[in-house]
């Protein structure tokens, strides 16, 4: 199937949000999504964007059953490792189910990797649910290392009340 990968624009935010919701539905976590189109526009398409995004498009003749031509996305942002330097964190990689198996996911992932190399990043990292064997296999066959198994890293998070409590404990200046 013919497709192209390009940098997302502010005009893509509606499609990106649609696919974020599709991904959340697959992950059975739609109630966790609190994002709006306006927030995506504000945070990704400002003077100092908090993320970058690629989208995959197919020609009109290959549009989805619902009429969509934007059929995948890869959303990422830059991080920093005190051991390795610049890094990219791939927050989401998603391709609509009817477009899987045509190389679109690999195209998105490879393009994010190309961006990482162009920006002199030492690594590309991401998180995958333990139950999501198809995604784990997809990344593993492309050379991803499972740090949970190999190095024993655990992903930790502060949010909601724990984030508030921690922030409230900051020294007063």
C-alpha atoms as a PDB file:
ATOM      1  CA  UNK A   1       0.000   0.000   0.000  1.00  0.00           C
ATOM      2  CA  UNK A   2       1.200   3.472  -0.854  1.00  0.00           C
ATOM      3  CA  UNK A   3       1.626   5.830   2.124  1.00  0.00           C
ATOM      4  CA  UNK A   4       3.696   8.799   3.180  1.00  0.00           C
ATOM      5  CA  UNK A   5       5.105   9.903   6.526  1.00  0.00           C
ATOM      6  CA  UNK A   6       5.303  13.615   7.274  1.00  0.00           C
ATOM      7  CA  UNK A   7       5.615  15.991  10.206  1.00  0.00           C
ATOM      8  CA  UNK A   8       2.270  16.755  11.775  1.00  0.00           C
ATOM      9  CA  UNK A   9       0.786  20.230  11.537  1.00  0.00           C
ATOM     10  CA  UNK A  10      -1.671  22.018  13.793  1.00  0.00           C
ATOM     11  CA  UNK A  11      -4.383  20.983  11.329  1.00  0.00           C
ATOM     12  CA  UNK A  12      -3.687  17.307  12.108  1.00  0.00           C
ATOM     13  CA  UNK A  13      -4.598  17.597  15.788  1.00  0.00           C
ATOM     14  CA  UNK A  14      -8.183  16.420  15.288  1.00  0.00           C
ATOM     15  CA  UNK A  15      -6.954  13.227  13.597  1.00  0.00           C
ATOM     16  CA  UNK A  16      -4.195  12.753  16.170  1.00  0.00           C
ATOM     17  CA  UNK A  17      -6.709  13.046  19.011  1.00  0.00           C
ATOM     18  CA  UNK A  18      -9.021  10.589  17.230  1.00  0.00           C
ATOM     19  CA  UNK A  19      -6.190   8.066  17.041  1.00  0.00           C
ATOM     20  CA  UNK A  20      -5.137   8.736  20.655  1.00  0.00           C
ATOM     21  CA  UNK A  21      -8.670   7.695  21.620  1.00  0.00           C
ATOM     22  CA  UNK A  22      -8.483   4.622  19.373  1.00  0.00           C
ATOM     23  CA  UNK A  23      -5.208   3.617  21.052  1.00  0.00           C
ATOM     24  CA  UNK A  24      -6.713   4.207  24.502  1.00  0.00           C
ATOM     25  CA  UNK A  25      -9.686   2.023  23.534  1.00  0.00           C
ATOM     26  CA  UNK A  26      -7.305  -0.769  22.488  1.00  0.00           C
ATOM     27  CA  UNK A  27      -5.487  -0.391  25.801  1.00  0.00           C
ATOM     28  CA  UNK A  28      -8.830  -0.328  27.681  1.00  0.00           C
ATOM     29  CA  UNK A  29      -7.944   3.050  29.203  1.00  0.00           C
ATOM     30  CA  UNK A  30     -10.240   5.591  27.503  1.00  0.00           C
ATOM     31  CA  UNK A  31     -11.208   7.030  30.892  1.00  0.00           C
ATOM     32  CA  UNK A  32      -7.568   8.119  31.358  1.00  0.00           C
ATOM     33  CA  UNK A  33      -7.516  10.401  28.305  1.00  0.00           C
ATOM     34  CA  UNK A  34      -8.050  14.011  29.348  1.00  0.00           C
ATOM     35  CA  UNK A  35      -6.447  15.585  26.278  1.00  0.00           C
ATOM     36  CA  UNK A  36      -8.224  18.070  24.004  1.00  0.00           C
ATOM     37  CA  UNK A  37      -7.503  19.199  20.476  1.00  0.00           C
ATOM     38  CA  UNK A  38      -6.749  22.673  21.836  1.00  0.00           C
ATOM     39  CA  UNK A  39      -4.158  21.271  24.260  1.00  0.00           C
ATOM     40  CA  UNK A  40      -2.453  19.327  21.460  1.00  0.00           C
ATOM     41  CA  UNK A  41      -2.355  22.476  19.345  1.00  0.00           C
ATOM     42  CA  UNK A  42      -1.013  24.595  22.224  1.00  0.00           C
ATOM     43  CA  UNK A  43       1.605  22.104  23.408  1.00  0.00           C
ATOM     44  CA  UNK A  44       2.869  20.806  20.076  1.00  0.00           C
ATOM     45  CA  UNK A  45       2.709  23.789  17.786  1.00  0.00           C
ATOM     46  CA  UNK A  46       4.072  26.690  19.807  1.00  0.00           C
ATOM     47  CA  UNK A  47       7.441  28.449  19.946  1.00  0.00           C
ATOM     48  CA  UNK A  48       8.916  25.761  22.236  1.00  0.00           C
ATOM     49  CA  UNK A  49       6.855  22.626  21.526  1.00  0.00           C
ATOM     50  CA  UNK A  50       6.614  19.974  24.225  1.00  0.00           C
ATOM     51  CA  UNK A  51       6.327  17.189  21.653  1.00  0.00           C
ATOM     52  CA  UNK A  52       6.765  16.462  17.976  1.00  0.00           C
ATOM     53  CA  UNK A  53       4.593  14.187  15.907  1.00  0.00           C
ATOM     54  CA  UNK A  54       4.687  12.355  12.612  1.00  0.00           C
ATOM     55  CA  UNK A  55       1.585  11.245  10.749  1.00  0.00           C
ATOM     56  CA  UNK A  56       1.077   8.531   8.156  1.00  0.00           C
ATOM     57  CA  UNK A  57      -1.226   9.281   5.251  1.00  0.00           C
ATOM     58  CA  UNK A  58      -2.681   7.110   2.523  1.00  0.00           C
ATOM     59  CA  UNK A  59      -4.124   8.330  -0.791  1.00  0.00           C
ATOM     60  CA  UNK A  60      -7.858   9.076  -1.006  1.00  0.00           C
ATOM     61  CA  UNK A  61      -8.460   5.827  -2.905  1.00  0.00           C
ATOM     62  CA  UNK A  62      -7.134   3.871   0.099  1.00  0.00           C
ATOM     63  CA  UNK A  63      -8.998   5.827   2.789  1.00  0.00           C
ATOM     64  CA  UNK A  64     -10.434   3.996   5.784  1.00  0.00           C
ATOM     65  CA  UNK A  65     -14.013   2.782   5.920  1.00  0.00           C
ATOM     66  CA  UNK A  66     -14.840   5.959   7.840  1.00  0.00           C
ATOM     67  CA  UNK A  67     -13.158   8.166   5.218  1.00  0.00           C
ATOM     68  CA  UNK A  68      -9.862   8.890   7.004  1.00  0.00           C
ATOM     69  CA  UNK A  69      -6.608   9.296   5.095  1.00  0.00           C
ATOM     70  CA  UNK A  70      -4.489  10.012   8.194  1.00  0.00           C
ATOM     71  CA  UNK A  71      -4.088   6.461   9.459  1.00  0.00           C
ATOM     72  CA  UNK A  72      -1.189   6.489  11.921  1.00  0.00           C
ATOM     73  CA  UNK A  73       0.975   8.670  14.102  1.00  0.00           C
ATOM     74  CA  UNK A  74       4.137   8.659  16.153  1.00  0.00           C
ATOM     75  CA  UNK A  75       4.294  11.202  18.971  1.00  0.00           C
ATOM     76  CA  UNK A  76       7.655  11.769  20.681  1.00  0.00           C
ATOM     77  CA  UNK A  77       9.599  14.226  22.793  1.00  0.00           C
ATOM     78  CA  UNK A  78      13.189  14.811  23.820  1.00  0.00           C
ATOM     79  CA  UNK A  79      14.660  13.689  27.117  1.00  0.00           C
ATOM     80  CA  UNK A  80      18.130  13.752  28.543  1.00  0.00           C
ATOM     81  CA  UNK A  81      20.226  10.985  30.042  1.00  0.00           C
ATOM     82  CA  UNK A  82      23.023  11.926  32.404  1.00  0.00           C
ATOM     83  CA  UNK A  83      24.817   8.823  31.133  1.00  0.00           C
ATOM     84  CA  UNK A  84      24.183   9.083  27.395  1.00  0.00           C
ATOM     85  CA  UNK A  85      22.984  12.628  26.632  1.00  0.00           C
ATOM     86  CA  UNK A  86      20.145  13.477  24.268  1.00  0.00           C
ATOM     87  CA  UNK A  87      17.383  10.911  23.858  1.00  0.00           C
ATOM     88  CA  UNK A  88      13.945  10.610  22.311  1.00  0.00           C
ATOM     89  CA  UNK A  89      10.997   9.107  24.148  1.00  0.00           C
ATOM     90  CA  UNK A  90       8.367   7.657  21.830  1.00  0.00           C
ATOM     91  CA  UNK A  91       5.125   8.219  23.708  1.00  0.00           C
ATOM     92  CA  UNK A  92       2.776   6.700  21.118  1.00  0.00           C
ATOM     93  CA  UNK A  93       3.115   4.736  17.898  1.00  0.00           C
ATOM     94  CA  UNK A  94      -0.259   3.856  16.420  1.00  0.00           C
ATOM     95  CA  UNK A  95      -1.604   2.588  13.119  1.00  0.00           C
ATOM     96  CA  UNK A  96      -5.316   2.037  12.558  1.00  0.00           C
ATOM     97  CA  UNK A  97      -6.051  -1.733  12.574  1.00  0.00           C
ATOM     98  CA  UNK A  98      -7.138  -1.932   8.933  1.00  0.00           C
ATOM     99  CA  UNK A  99      -3.796  -0.427   7.853  1.00  0.00           C
ATOM    100  CA  UNK A 100      -1.499  -2.702   9.855  1.00  0.00           C
ATOM    101  CA  UNK A 101       0.786  -5.095   8.029  1.00  0.00           C
ATOM    102  CA  UNK A 102       1.664  -2.656   5.228  1.00  0.00           C
ATOM    103  CA  UNK A 103       4.859  -1.255   6.752  1.00  0.00           C
ATOM    104  CA  UNK A 104       3.291   1.935   8.112  1.00  0.00           C
ATOM    105  CA  UNK A 105       4.282   1.249  11.729  1.00  0.00           C
ATOM    106  CA  UNK A 106       7.814   0.377  10.671  1.00  0.00           C
ATOM    107  CA  UNK A 107       7.883   3.548   8.560  1.00  0.00           C
ATOM    108  CA  UNK A 108       6.821   5.692  11.504  1.00  0.00           C
ATOM    109  CA  UNK A 109       9.307   4.031  13.874  1.00  0.00           C
ATOM    110  CA  UNK A 110      12.159   4.278  11.369  1.00  0.00           C
ATOM    111  CA  UNK A 111      11.402   7.948  10.740  1.00  0.00           C
ATOM    112  CA  UNK A 112      11.463   8.698  14.482  1.00  0.00           C
ATOM    113  CA  UNK A 113      14.818   6.873  14.611  1.00  0.00           C
ATOM    114  CA  UNK A 114      16.053   8.998  11.699  1.00  0.00           C
ATOM    115  CA  UNK A 115      15.021  12.160  13.583  1.00  0.00           C
ATOM    116  CA  UNK A 116      16.882  10.853  16.644  1.00  0.00           C
ATOM    117  CA  UNK A 117      20.042  10.348  14.619  1.00  0.00           C
ATOM    118  CA  UNK A 118      19.723  13.768  12.940  1.00  0.00           C
ATOM    119  CA  UNK A 119      19.351  15.394  16.386  1.00  0.00           C
ATOM    120  CA  UNK A 120      22.390  13.465  17.703  1.00  0.00           C
ATOM    121  CA  UNK A 121      20.344  11.446  20.184  1.00  0.00           C
ATOM    122  CA  UNK A 122      22.033   8.460  21.775  1.00  0.00           C
ATOM    123  CA  UNK A 123      18.856   6.430  22.095  1.00  0.00           C
ATOM    124  CA  UNK A 124      15.182   6.016  21.413  1.00  0.00           C
ATOM    125  CA  UNK A 125      13.118   4.700  24.301  1.00  0.00           C
ATOM    126  CA  UNK A 126       9.493   3.774  24.884  1.00  0.00           C
ATOM    127  CA  UNK A 127       7.191   1.864  27.198  1.00  0.00           C
ATOM    128  CA  UNK A 128       4.941  -1.058  26.284  1.00  0.00           C
ATOM    129  CA  UNK A 129       2.314  -2.790  28.416  1.00  0.00           C
ATOM    130  CA  UNK A 130       3.413  -6.243  29.548  1.00  0.00           C
ATOM    131  CA  UNK A 131       0.234  -7.790  28.083  1.00  0.00           C
ATOM    132  CA  UNK A 132       0.826  -6.231  24.638  1.00  0.00           C
ATOM    133  CA  UNK A 133       2.845  -9.061  23.094  1.00  0.00           C
ATOM    134  CA  UNK A 134       2.279  -7.946  19.472  1.00  0.00           C
ATOM    135  CA  UNK A 135       3.836  -4.541  20.192  1.00  0.00           C
ATOM    136  CA  UNK A 136       6.651  -6.009  22.278  1.00  0.00           C
ATOM    137  CA  UNK A 137       7.424  -8.408  19.424  1.00  0.00           C
ATOM    138  CA  UNK A 138       7.218  -5.595  16.843  1.00  0.00           C
ATOM    139  CA  UNK A 139       9.846  -3.572  18.717  1.00  0.00           C
ATOM    140  CA  UNK A 140      12.012  -6.570  19.644  1.00  0.00           C
ATOM    141  CA  UNK A 141      12.312  -7.723  16.028  1.00  0.00           C
ATOM    142  CA  UNK A 142      13.661  -4.262  15.235  1.00  0.00           C
ATOM    143  CA  UNK A 143      16.314  -4.407  17.942  1.00  0.00           C
ATOM    144  CA  UNK A 144      14.635  -2.935  21.044  1.00  0.00           C
ATOM    145  CA  UNK A 145      15.990  -4.137  24.387  1.00  0.00           C
ATOM    146  CA  UNK A 146      13.611  -4.968  27.213  1.00  0.00           C
ATOM    147  CA  UNK A 147      15.216  -3.086  30.114  1.00  0.00           C
ATOM    148  CA  UNK A 148      12.760  -4.556  32.614  1.00  0.00           C
ATOM    149  CA  UNK A 149      14.217  -7.977  31.914  1.00  0.00           C
ATOM    150  CA  UNK A 150      17.815  -7.020  31.089  1.00  0.00           C
ATOM    151  CA  UNK A 151      18.512  -4.292  33.653  1.00  0.00           C
ATOM    152  CA  UNK A 152      15.622  -4.439  36.113  1.00  0.00           C
ATOM    153  CA  UNK A 153      14.344  -0.890  35.522  1.00  0.00           C
ATOM    154  CA  UNK A 154      10.861  -0.046  36.776  1.00  0.00           C
ATOM    155  CA  UNK A 155       8.734   2.790  35.448  1.00  0.00           C
ATOM    156  CA  UNK A 156       7.515   4.996  38.302  1.00  0.00           C
ATOM    157  CA  UNK A 157       5.024   7.865  38.241  1.00  0.00           C
ATOM    158  CA  UNK A 158       3.741  10.617  40.495  1.00  0.00           C
ATOM    159  CA  UNK A 159       0.316  11.974  39.559  1.00  0.00           C
ATOM    160  CA  UNK A 160      -2.854  13.406  41.064  1.00  0.00           C
ATOM    161  CA  UNK A 161      -2.632  13.573  44.850  1.00  0.00           C
ATOM    162  CA  UNK A 162       0.905  12.160  45.073  1.00  0.00           C
ATOM    163  CA  UNK A 163       2.154  14.891  42.712  1.00  0.00           C
ATOM    164  CA  UNK A 164       0.326  17.553  44.716  1.00  0.00           C
ATOM    165  CA  UNK A 165       1.759  16.231  47.987  1.00  0.00           C
ATOM    166  CA  UNK A 166       5.269  16.148  46.614  1.00  0.00           C
ATOM    167  CA  UNK A 167       4.996  19.665  45.170  1.00  0.00           C
ATOM    168  CA  UNK A 168       3.638  20.978  48.466  1.00  0.00           C
ATOM    169  CA  UNK A 169       6.772  19.641  50.186  1.00  0.00           C
ATOM    170  CA  UNK A 170       9.064  21.803  48.026  1.00  0.00           C
ATOM    171  CA  UNK A 171      11.166  24.230  50.064  1.00  0.00           C
ATOM    172  CA  UNK A 172       9.702  27.725  50.325  1.00  0.00           C
ATOM    173  CA  UNK A 173      12.119  30.332  49.012  1.00  0.00           C
END
